[in-house]
Amino acid sequence: MEIQGPFTISVNDNADSGLRELHLGFKPAFQQQELSTRIETIKSHMTELQQAVDEETDAANQQGMLTILQIISQLMPHLENDEIPLDETIIVEIGPSHSSPFDELLRGATLK
């Protein structure tokens, strides 16, 4: 699976907290876009991601993509208001350090 879009995504185990974290960053090209273009880019990415969810047959991959969609949906109002520093990484705790749907999704993914 090829993941395209304005984000870099990784899953990390936090040794201090024992929790698995989803790290979401913004690609440099996205950071340099004007606000209106960034919003269009994210909306387009969300549409493409929803189509990928609809076409995906693996339940774990589907769950990982749906979680990314939910996170982006929650960020959207803040992105529209230009309230998020794009040079920082957003960290979302996703549970205890064990296998998750993100492992499989990101294992076979290539980023463009």
Protein backbone atom coordinates (compact mmCIF):
# COMPACT_ATOMS: atom_id res chain seq x y z
CA MET A 1 0.00 0.00 0.00
CA GLU A 2 1.27 3.46 -0.86
CA ILE A 3 0.35 6.25 1.51
CA GLN A 4 0.36 9.65 -0.10
CA GLY A 5 -0.54 12.86 1.57
CA PRO A 6 0.68 15.83 3.55
CA PHE A 7 1.75 13.83 6.61
CA THR A 8 4.58 11.70 7.87
CA ILE A 9 3.28 8.94 10.13
CA SER A 10 5.13 6.63 12.49
CA VAL A 11 4.29 4.48 15.48
CA ASN A 12 6.65 4.49 18.44
CA ASP A 13 6.72 2.71 21.77
CA ASN A 14 7.34 5.11 24.64
CA ALA A 15 9.57 3.28 27.13
CA ASP A 16 8.78 5.79 29.88
CA SER A 17 5.00 5.51 29.74
CA GLY A 18 4.70 2.01 28.29
CA LEU A 19 2.29 3.40 25.71
CA ARG A 20 2.34 3.20 21.94
CA GLU A 21 2.31 6.59 20.24
CA LEU A 22 1.28 7.70 16.80
CA HIS A 23 3.58 10.50 15.56
CA LEU A 24 2.05 12.71 12.90
CA GLY A 25 4.16 15.37 11.20
CA PHE A 26 3.63 17.68 8.26
CA LYS A 27 5.80 17.27 5.17
CA PRO A 28 7.93 20.31 4.25
CA ALA A 29 6.13 20.86 0.94
CA PHE A 30 2.81 21.02 2.83
CA GLN A 31 4.23 23.46 5.37
CA GLN A 32 5.18 25.87 2.58
CA GLN A 33 1.71 25.99 1.02
CA GLU A 34 -0.69 28.88 1.51
CA LEU A 35 -3.46 28.21 4.05
CA SER A 36 -6.21 27.74 1.44
CA THR A 37 -4.05 25.26 -0.50
CA ARG A 38 -3.22 23.35 2.69
CA ILE A 39 -6.92 22.99 3.47
CA GLU A 40 -7.65 21.75 -0.07
CA THR A 41 -4.74 19.31 0.21
CA ILE A 42 -6.05 17.87 3.49
CA LYS A 43 -9.62 17.58 2.24
CA SER A 44 -8.39 15.80 -0.87
CA HIS A 45 -6.25 13.49 1.26
CA MET A 46 -9.24 12.67 3.46
CA THR A 47 -11.33 11.80 0.39
CA GLU A 48 -8.58 9.56 -0.99
CA LEU A 49 -8.08 7.92 2.39
CA GLN A 50 -11.82 7.22 2.71
CA GLN A 51 -11.77 5.62 -0.75
CA ALA A 52 -8.82 3.48 0.32
CA VAL A 53 -10.75 2.42 3.44
CA ASP A 54 -13.74 1.46 1.30
CA GLU A 55 -11.53 -0.63 -1.00
CA GLU A 56 -9.40 -2.24 1.74
CA THR A 57 -10.19 -5.86 2.55
CA ASP A 58 -7.88 -6.25 5.56
CA ALA A 59 -9.73 -5.24 8.75
CA ALA A 60 -6.54 -4.18 10.58
CA ASN A 61 -5.49 -1.89 7.73
CA GLN A 62 -9.01 -0.46 7.58
CA GLN A 63 -8.95 0.29 11.30
CA GLY A 64 -5.58 2.02 11.02
CA MET A 65 -6.76 4.21 8.15
CA LEU A 66 -10.04 5.03 9.94
CA THR A 67 -8.09 6.12 12.99
CA ILE A 68 -5.95 8.44 10.86
CA LEU A 69 -9.15 9.86 9.32
CA GLN A 70 -10.57 10.48 12.80
CA ILE A 71 -7.42 12.27 13.91
CA ILE A 72 -7.37 14.44 10.79
CA SER A 73 -11.07 15.27 11.31
CA GLN A 74 -10.30 16.44 14.85
CA LEU A 75 -7.37 18.53 13.63
CA MET A 76 -9.26 20.08 10.71
CA PRO A 77 -10.88 23.04 12.54
CA HIS A 78 -7.49 23.95 14.03
CA LEU A 79 -5.80 23.63 10.64
CA GLU A 80 -8.49 25.81 9.05
CA ASN A 81 -7.85 28.46 11.70
CA ASP A 82 -4.08 28.12 11.20
CA GLU A 83 -3.64 27.30 14.90
CA ILE A 84 -1.25 24.35 14.59
CA PRO A 85 2.51 24.89 14.25
CA LEU A 86 3.32 22.82 11.16
CA ASP A 87 6.95 22.28 12.09
CA GLU A 88 6.04 20.28 15.19
CA THR A 89 5.11 16.60 15.53
CA ILE A 90 1.68 15.75 16.90
CA ILE A 91 1.80 12.78 19.27
CA VAL A 92 -1.31 10.72 19.95
CA GLU A 93 -1.20 7.98 22.57
CA ILE A 94 -2.94 4.94 21.09
CA GLY A 95 -2.65 2.39 23.88
CA PRO A 96 -0.29 -0.08 25.52
CA SER A 97 2.85 -1.19 23.70
CA HIS A 98 1.65 -4.17 21.72
CA SER A 99 0.63 -4.93 18.18
CA SER A 100 -1.89 -2.50 16.68
CA PRO A 101 -3.57 -1.96 13.31
CA PHE A 102 -0.92 0.67 12.56
CA ASP A 103 1.86 -1.91 12.62
CA GLU A 104 0.52 -3.79 9.63
CA LEU A 105 -0.60 -0.63 7.81
CA LEU A 106 2.80 1.05 8.11
CA ARG A 107 4.85 -2.13 7.65
CA GLY A 108 3.91 -2.37 3.98
CA ALA A 109 3.52 1.34 3.34
CA THR A 110 5.67 3.59 1.23
CA LEU A 111 5.40 7.33 1.64
CA LYS A 112 5.43 9.77 -1.24
